[in-house]
């Protein structure tokens, strides 16, 4: 991407951020709290899923490690 395209993309990002800031500033306290609650809930769900993925990967790693050890023992015997 050339510099003109990058500059346009940066300008659009800046405009989007400014709009989001303006929108947040004009929200009622209830709307702000709802937004914060939604963000916290989304963060909790992401952490939960990341933990599940980590557990699954650990299980698969242990299975592969054990299978490799069995194969090595079988070849040695």
PDB file of N, CA and C in Angstrom:
ATOM      1  N   UNK A   1       0.861  -1.176   0.000  1.00  0.00           N
ATOM      2  CA  UNK A   1       0.000   0.000   0.000  1.00  0.00           C
ATOM      3  C   UNK A   1       0.903   1.234   0.000  1.00  0.00           C
ATOM      4  N   UNK A   2       0.547   2.194  -0.799  1.00  0.00           N
ATOM      5  CA  UNK A   2       1.374   3.394  -0.883  1.00  0.00           C
ATOM      6  C   UNK A   2       1.080   4.338   0.282  1.00  0.00           C
ATOM      7  N   UNK A   3       1.871   5.404   0.370  1.00  0.00           N
ATOM      8  CA  UNK A   3       1.726   6.344   1.482  1.00  0.00           C
ATOM      9  C   UNK A   3       0.385   7.065   1.459  1.00  0.00           C
ATOM     10  N   UNK A   4      -0.137   7.332   0.276  1.00  0.00           N
ATOM     11  CA  UNK A   4      -1.429   8.023   0.179  1.00  0.00           C
ATOM     12  C   UNK A   4      -2.534   7.148   0.770  1.00  0.00           C
ATOM     13  N   UNK A   5      -2.498   5.864   0.472  1.00  0.00           N
ATOM     14  CA  UNK A   5      -3.490   4.937   1.010  1.00  0.00           C
ATOM     15  C   UNK A   5      -3.363   4.789   2.518  1.00  0.00           C
ATOM     16  N   UNK A   6      -2.126   4.742   3.003  1.00  0.00           N
ATOM     17  CA  UNK A   6      -1.905   4.631   4.449  1.00  0.00           C
ATOM     18  C   UNK A   6      -2.385   5.884   5.163  1.00  0.00           C
ATOM     19  N   UNK A   7      -2.135   7.038   4.555  1.00  0.00           N
ATOM     20  CA  UNK A   7      -2.582   8.301   5.146  1.00  0.00           C
ATOM     21  C   UNK A   7      -4.090   8.377   5.210  1.00  0.00           C
ATOM     22  N   UNK A   8      -4.751   7.920   4.157  1.00  0.00           N
ATOM     23  CA  UNK A   8      -6.207   7.925   4.129  1.00  0.00           C
ATOM     24  C   UNK A   8      -6.765   6.973   5.174  1.00  0.00           C
ATOM     25  N   UNK A   9      -6.142   5.822   5.296  1.00  0.00           N
ATOM     26  CA  UNK A   9      -6.566   4.844   6.293  1.00  0.00           C
ATOM     27  C   UNK A   9      -6.376   5.402   7.705  1.00  0.00           C
ATOM     28  N   UNK A  10      -5.264   6.073   7.956  1.00  0.00           N
ATOM     29  CA  UNK A  10      -5.010   6.681   9.266  1.00  0.00           C
ATOM     30  C   UNK A  10      -6.038   7.775   9.550  1.00  0.00           C
ATOM     31  N   UNK A  11      -6.369   8.560   8.542  1.00  0.00           N
ATOM     32  CA  UNK A  11      -7.355   9.622   8.710  1.00  0.00           C
ATOM     33  C   UNK A  11      -8.731   9.055   9.032  1.00  0.00           C
ATOM     34  N   UNK A  12      -9.101   7.967   8.362  1.00  0.00           N
ATOM     35  CA  UNK A  12     -10.377   7.323   8.654  1.00  0.00           C
ATOM     36  C   UNK A  12     -10.402   6.748  10.072  1.00  0.00           C
ATOM     37  N   UNK A  13      -9.285   6.186  10.499  1.00  0.00           N
ATOM     38  CA  UNK A  13      -9.190   5.668  11.855  1.00  0.00           C
ATOM     39  C   UNK A  13      -9.311   6.762  12.893  1.00  0.00           C
ATOM     40  N   UNK A  14      -8.670   7.881  12.632  1.00  0.00           N
ATOM     41  CA  UNK A  14      -8.744   9.029  13.533  1.00  0.00           C
ATOM     42  C   UNK A  14     -10.159   9.581  13.596  1.00  0.00           C
ATOM     43  N   UNK A  15     -10.816   9.676  12.447  1.00  0.00           N
ATOM     44  CA  UNK A  15     -12.194  10.173  12.411  1.00  0.00           C
ATOM     45  C   UNK A  15     -13.124   9.221  13.157  1.00  0.00           C
ATOM     46  N   UNK A  16     -12.912   7.921  12.990  1.00  0.00           N
ATOM     47  CA  UNK A  16     -13.729   6.938  13.707  1.00  0.00           C
ATOM     48  C   UNK A  16     -13.537   7.046  15.209  1.00  0.00           C
ATOM     49  N   UNK A  17     -12.303   7.230  15.633  1.00  0.00           N
ATOM     50  CA  UNK A  17     -12.020   7.385  17.060  1.00  0.00           C
ATOM     51  C   UNK A  17     -12.640   8.649  17.625  1.00  0.00           C
ATOM     52  N   UNK A  18     -12.566   9.729  16.871  1.00  0.00           N
ATOM     53  CA  UNK A  18     -13.161  10.988  17.322  1.00  0.00           C
ATOM     54  C   UNK A  18     -14.679  10.852  17.420  1.00  0.00           C
ATOM     55  N   UNK A  19     -15.288  10.176  16.457  1.00  0.00           N
ATOM     56  CA  UNK A  19     -16.740   9.979  16.500  1.00  0.00           C
ATOM     57  C   UNK A  19     -17.134   9.133  17.710  1.00  0.00           C
ATOM     58  N   UNK A  20     -16.368   8.071  17.971  1.00  0.00           N
ATOM     59  CA  UNK A  20     -16.665   7.212  19.118  1.00  0.00           C
ATOM     60  C   UNK A  20     -16.532   7.986  20.422  1.00  0.00           C
ATOM     61  N   UNK A  21     -15.495   8.822  20.531  1.00  0.00           N
ATOM     62  CA  UNK A  21     -15.313   9.645  21.727  1.00  0.00           C
ATOM     63  C   UNK A  21     -16.488  10.600  21.912  1.00  0.00           C
ATOM     64  N   UNK A  22     -16.890  11.262  20.827  1.00  0.00           N
ATOM     65  CA  UNK A  22     -18.017  12.204  20.890  1.00  0.00           C
ATOM     66  C   UNK A  22     -19.305  11.472  21.289  1.00  0.00           C
ATOM     67  N   UNK A  23     -19.507  10.307  20.691  1.00  0.00           N
ATOM     68  CA  UNK A  23     -20.707   9.522  20.979  1.00  0.00           C
ATOM     69  C   UNK A  23     -20.723   9.113  22.454  1.00  0.00           C
ATOM     70  N   UNK A  24     -19.572   8.674  22.980  1.00  0.00           N
ATOM     71  CA  UNK A  24     -19.488   8.254  24.380  1.00  0.00           C
ATOM     72  C   UNK A  24     -19.748   9.438  25.314  1.00  0.00           C
ATOM     73  N   UNK A  25     -19.182  10.579  24.996  1.00  0.00           N
ATOM     74  CA  UNK A  25     -19.366  11.763  25.842  1.00  0.00           C
ATOM     75  C   UNK A  25     -20.818  12.199  25.910  1.00  0.00           C
ATOM     76  N   UNK A  26     -21.576  11.929  24.853  1.00  0.00           N
ATOM     77  CA  UNK A  26     -22.978  12.349  24.815  1.00  0.00           C
ATOM     78  C   UNK A  26     -23.941  11.277  25.310  1.00  0.00           C
ATOM     79  N   UNK A  27     -23.444  10.155  25.801  1.00  0.00           N
ATOM     80  CA  UNK A  27     -24.310   9.106  26.329  1.00  0.00           C
ATOM     81  C   UNK A  27     -24.791   9.467  27.730  1.00  0.00           C
ATOM     82  N   UNK A  28     -25.929   8.910  28.069  1.00  0.00           N
ATOM     83  CA  UNK A  28     -26.426   9.072  29.436  1.00  0.00           C
ATOM     84  C   UNK A  28     -25.604   8.157  30.349  1.00  0.00           C
ATOM     85  N   UNK A  29     -25.612   8.412  31.650  1.00  0.00           N
ATOM     86  CA  UNK A  29     -24.882   7.524  32.569  1.00  0.00           C
ATOM     87  C   UNK A  29     -25.352   6.067  32.480  1.00  0.00           C
ATOM     88  N   UNK A  30     -26.635   5.861  32.245  1.00  0.00           N
ATOM     89  CA  UNK A  30     -27.148   4.493  32.114  1.00  0.00           C
ATOM     90  C   UNK A  30     -26.581   3.817  30.867  1.00  0.00           C
ATOM     91  N   UNK A  31     -26.524   4.563  29.767  1.00  0.00           N
ATOM     92  CA  UNK A  31     -25.967   4.010  28.529  1.00  0.00           C
ATOM     93  C   UNK A  31     -24.483   3.696  28.690  1.00  0.00           C
ATOM     94  N   UNK A  32     -23.756   4.577  29.391  1.00  0.00           N
ATOM     95  CA  UNK A  32     -22.340   4.329  29.640  1.00  0.00           C
ATOM     96  C   UNK A  32     -22.159   3.071  30.471  1.00  0.00           C
ATOM     97  N   UNK A  33     -22.988   2.888  31.497  1.00  0.00           N
ATOM     98  CA  UNK A  33     -22.878   1.707  32.338  1.00  0.00           C
ATOM     99  C   UNK A  33     -23.210   0.445  31.548  1.00  0.00           C
ATOM    100  N   UNK A  34     -24.238   0.521  30.682  1.00  0.00           N
ATOM    101  CA  UNK A  34     -24.580  -0.623  29.833  1.00  0.00           C
ATOM    102  C   UNK A  34     -23.415  -0.987  28.920  1.00  0.00           C
ATOM    103  N   UNK A  35     -22.763   0.013  28.352  1.00  0.00           N
ATOM    104  CA  UNK A  35     -21.612  -0.215  27.479  1.00  0.00           C
ATOM    105  C   UNK A  35     -20.464  -0.860  28.258  1.00  0.00           C
ATOM    106  N   UNK A  36     -20.197  -0.354  29.459  1.00  0.00           N
ATOM    107  CA  UNK A  36     -19.135  -0.928  30.292  1.00  0.00           C
ATOM    108  C   UNK A  36     -19.464  -2.365  30.672  1.00  0.00           C
ATOM    109  N   UNK A  37     -20.721  -2.621  31.032  1.00  0.00           N
ATOM    110  CA  UNK A  37     -21.134  -3.982  31.387  1.00  0.00           C
ATOM    111  C   UNK A  37     -20.956  -4.938  30.207  1.00  0.00           C
ATOM    112  N   UNK A  38     -21.349  -4.458  29.023  1.00  0.00           N
ATOM    113  CA  UNK A  38     -21.217  -5.283  27.824  1.00  0.00           C
ATOM    114  C   UNK A  38     -19.745  -5.572  27.526  1.00  0.00           C
ATOM    115  N   UNK A  39     -18.882  -4.566  27.684  1.00  0.00           N
ATOM    116  CA  UNK A  39     -17.448  -4.757  27.455  1.00  0.00           C
ATOM    117  C   UNK A  39     -16.870  -5.740  28.467  1.00  0.00           C
ATOM    118  N   UNK A  40     -17.269  -5.626  29.720  1.00  0.00           N
ATOM    119  CA  UNK A  40     -16.785  -6.547  30.750  1.00  0.00           C
ATOM    120  C   UNK A  40     -17.252  -7.971  30.478  1.00  0.00           C
ATOM    121  N   UNK A  41     -18.503  -8.123  30.063  1.00  0.00           N
ATOM    122  CA  UNK A  41     -19.043  -9.450  29.756  1.00  0.00           C
ATOM    123  C   UNK A  41     -18.305 -10.069  28.570  1.00  0.00           C
ATOM    124  N   UNK A  42     -18.039  -9.267  27.556  1.00  0.00           N
ATOM    125  CA  UNK A  42     -17.302  -9.753  26.391  1.00  0.00           C
ATOM    126  C   UNK A  42     -15.888 -10.163  26.789  1.00  0.00           C
ATOM    127  N   UNK A  43     -15.240  -9.370  27.618  1.00  0.00           N
ATOM    128  CA  UNK A  43     -13.908  -9.708  28.098  1.00  0.00           C
ATOM    129  C   UNK A  43     -13.908 -11.003  28.893  1.00  0.00           C
ATOM    130  N   UNK A  44     -14.911 -11.194  29.718  1.00  0.00           N
ATOM    131  CA  UNK A  44     -15.020 -12.420  30.504  1.00  0.00           C
ATOM    132  C   UNK A  44     -15.180 -13.631  29.594  1.00  0.00           C
ATOM    133  N   UNK A  45     -16.019 -13.493  28.572  1.00  0.00           N
ATOM    134  CA  UNK A  45     -16.237 -14.602  27.635  1.00  0.00           C
ATOM    135  C   UNK A  45     -14.959 -14.933  26.870  1.00  0.00           C
ATOM    136  N   UNK A  46     -14.206 -13.911  26.476  1.00  0.00           N
ATOM    137  CA  UNK A  46     -12.960 -14.129  25.751  1.00  0.00           C
ATOM    138  C   UNK A  46     -11.965 -14.858  26.640  1.00  0.00           C
ATOM    139  N   UNK A  47     -11.848 -14.438  27.894  1.00  0.00           N
ATOM    140  CA  UNK A  47     -10.931 -15.104  28.821  1.00  0.00           C
ATOM    141  C   UNK A  47     -11.341 -16.555  29.035  1.00  0.00           C
ATOM    142  N   UNK A  48     -12.646 -16.786  29.145  1.00  0.00           N
ATOM    143  CA  UNK A  48     -13.162 -18.145  29.346  1.00  0.00           C
ATOM    144  C   UNK A  48     -12.809 -19.034  28.150  1.00  0.00           C
ATOM    145  N   UNK A  49     -13.049 -18.525  26.946  1.00  0.00           N
ATOM    146  CA  UNK A  49     -12.742 -19.300  25.734  1.00  0.00           C
ATOM    147  C   UNK A  49     -11.244 -19.529  25.603  1.00  0.00           C
ATOM    148  N   UNK A  50     -10.441 -18.522  25.933  1.00  0.00           N
ATOM    149  CA  UNK A  50      -8.988 -18.677  25.858  1.00  0.00           C
ATOM    150  C   UNK A  50      -8.527 -19.770  26.817  1.00  0.00           C
ATOM    151  N   UNK A  51      -9.118 -19.831  27.996  1.00  0.00           N
ATOM    152  CA  UNK A  51      -8.790 -20.891  28.950  1.00  0.00           C
ATOM    153  C   UNK A  51      -9.156 -22.260  28.417  1.00  0.00           C
ATOM    154  N   UNK A  52     -10.318 -22.353  27.769  1.00  0.00           N
ATOM    155  CA  UNK A  52     -10.744 -23.622  27.184  1.00  0.00           C
ATOM    156  C   UNK A  52      -9.788 -24.063  26.082  1.00  0.00           C
ATOM    157  N   UNK A  53      -9.378 -23.131  25.247  1.00  0.00           N
ATOM    158  CA  UNK A  53      -8.444 -23.438  24.157  1.00  0.00           C
ATOM    159  C   UNK A  53      -7.103 -23.878  24.745  1.00  0.00           C
ATOM    160  N   UNK A  54      -6.645 -23.174  25.768  1.00  0.00           N
ATOM    161  CA  UNK A  54      -5.381 -23.532  26.411  1.00  0.00           C
ATOM    162  C   UNK A  54      -5.445 -24.948  26.986  1.00  0.00           C
ATOM    163  N   UNK A  55      -6.554 -25.285  27.636  1.00  0.00           N
ATOM    164  CA  UNK A  55      -6.717 -26.626  28.191  1.00  0.00           C
ATOM    165  C   UNK A  55      -6.705 -27.685  27.089  1.00  0.00           C
ATOM    166  N   UNK A  56      -7.402 -27.405  26.007  1.00  0.00           N
ATOM    167  CA  UNK A  56      -7.457 -28.348  24.890  1.00  0.00           C
ATOM    168  C   UNK A  56      -6.070 -28.564  24.289  1.00  0.00           C
ATOM    169  N   UNK A  57      -5.337 -27.481  24.112  1.00  0.00           N
ATOM    170  CA  UNK A  57      -3.990 -27.582  23.544  1.00  0.00           C
ATOM    171  C   UNK A  57      -3.085 -28.366  24.488  1.00  0.00           C
ATOM    172  N   UNK A  58      -3.195 -28.115  25.779  1.00  0.00           N
ATOM    173  CA  UNK A  58      -2.379 -28.855  26.753  1.00  0.00           C
ATOM    174  C   UNK A  58      -2.691 -30.341  26.712  1.00  0.00           C
ATOM    175  N   UNK A  59      -3.971 -30.677  26.621  1.00  0.00           N
ATOM    176  CA  UNK A  59      -4.357 -32.082  26.543  1.00  0.00           C
ATOM    177  C   UNK A  59      -3.789 -32.741  25.288  1.00  0.00           C
ATOM    178  N   UNK A  60      -3.922 -32.065  24.159  1.00  0.00           N
ATOM    179  CA  UNK A  60      -3.407 -32.615  22.903  1.00  0.00           C
ATOM    180  C   UNK A  60      -1.890 -32.773  22.959  1.00  0.00           C
ATOM    181  N   UNK A  61      -1.212 -31.802  23.539  1.00  0.00           N
ATOM    182  CA  UNK A  61       0.246 -31.872  23.671  1.00  0.00           C
ATOM    183  C   UNK A  61       0.645 -33.083  24.516  1.00  0.00           C
ATOM    184  N   UNK A  62      -0.032 -33.271  25.642  1.00  0.00           N
ATOM    185  CA  UNK A  62       0.267 -34.421  26.506  1.00  0.00           C
ATOM    186  C   UNK A  62       0.011 -35.735  25.781  1.00  0.00           C
ATOM    187  N   UNK A  63      -1.077 -35.795  25.008  1.00  0.00           N
ATOM    188  CA  UNK A  63      -1.379 -37.014  24.257  1.00  0.00           C
ATOM    189  C   UNK A  63      -0.279 -37.313  23.236  1.00  0.00           C
ATOM    190  N   UNK A  64       0.140 -36.277  22.522  1.00  0.00           N
ATOM    191  CA  UNK A  64       1.202 -36.471  21.528  1.00  0.00           C
ATOM    192  C   UNK A  64       2.521 -36.858  22.179  1.00  0.00           C
ATOM    193  N   UNK A  65       2.828 -36.228  23.309  1.00  0.00           N
ATOM    194  CA  UNK A  65       4.068 -36.539  24.018  1.00  0.00           C
ATOM    195  C   UNK A  65       4.058 -38.000  24.489  1.00  0.00           C
ATOM    196  N   UNK A  66       2.942 -38.439  25.029  1.00  0.00           N
ATOM    197  CA  UNK A  66       2.834 -39.822  25.491  1.00  0.00           C
ATOM    198  C   UNK A  66       2.903 -40.812  24.323  1.00  0.00           C
ATOM    199  N   UNK A  67       2.274 -40.462  23.225  1.00  0.00           N
ATOM    200  CA  UNK A  67       2.326 -41.323  22.042  1.00  0.00           C
ATOM    201  C   UNK A  67       3.752 -41.429  21.519  1.00  0.00           C
ATOM    202  N   UNK A  68       4.478 -40.315  21.533  1.00  0.00           N
ATOM    203  CA  UNK A  68       5.868 -40.330  21.070  1.00  0.00           C
ATOM    204  C   UNK A  68       6.732 -41.187  21.990  1.00  0.00           C
ATOM    205  N   UNK A  69       6.487 -41.108  23.290  1.00  0.00           N
ATOM    206  CA  UNK A  69       7.246 -41.930  24.242  1.00  0.00           C
ATOM    207  C   UNK A  69       6.965 -43.413  24.011  1.00  0.00           C
ATOM    208  N   UNK A  70       5.705 -43.749  23.778  1.00  0.00           N
ATOM    209  CA  UNK A  70       5.351 -45.150  23.513  1.00  0.00           C
ATOM    210  C   UNK A  70       6.037 -45.654  22.245  1.00  0.00           C
ATOM    211  N   UNK A  71       6.017 -44.824  21.221  1.00  0.00           N
ATOM    212  CA  UNK A  71       6.673 -45.208  19.958  1.00  0.00           C
ATOM    213  C   UNK A  71       8.175 -45.400  20.165  1.00  0.00           C
ATOM    214  N   UNK A  72       8.782 -44.507  20.922  1.00  0.00           N
ATOM    215  CA  UNK A  72      10.215 -44.614  21.175  1.00  0.00           C
ATOM    216  C   UNK A  72      10.514 -45.893  21.957  1.00  0.00           C
ATOM    217  N   UNK A  73       9.672 -46.222  22.929  1.00  0.00           N
ATOM    218  CA  UNK A  73       9.860 -47.450  23.707  1.00  0.00           C
ATOM    219  C   UNK A  73       9.664 -48.673  22.824  1.00  0.00           C
ATOM    220  N   UNK A  74       8.667 -48.635  21.953  1.00  0.00           N
ATOM    221  CA  UNK A  74       8.419 -49.765  21.050  1.00  0.00           C
ATOM    222  C   UNK A  74       9.592 -49.977  20.106  1.00  0.00           C
ATOM    223  N   UNK A  75      10.175 -48.899  19.620  1.00  0.00           N
ATOM    224  CA  UNK A  75      11.327 -49.006  18.708  1.00  0.00           C
ATOM    225  C   UNK A  75      12.551 -49.504  19.455  1.00  0.00           C
ATOM    226  N   UNK A  76      12.698 -49.122  20.701  1.00  0.00           N
ATOM    227  CA  UNK A  76      13.856 -49.541  21.486  1.00  0.00           C
ATOM    228  C   UNK A  76      13.787 -51.019  21.833  1.00  0.00           C
ATOM    229  N   UNK A  77      12.599 -51.551  21.951  1.00  0.00           N
ATOM    230  CA  UNK A  77      12.419 -52.975  22.323  1.00  0.00           C
ATOM    231  C   UNK A  77      12.380 -53.788  21.100  1.00  0.00           C
TER     232      UNK A  77
END
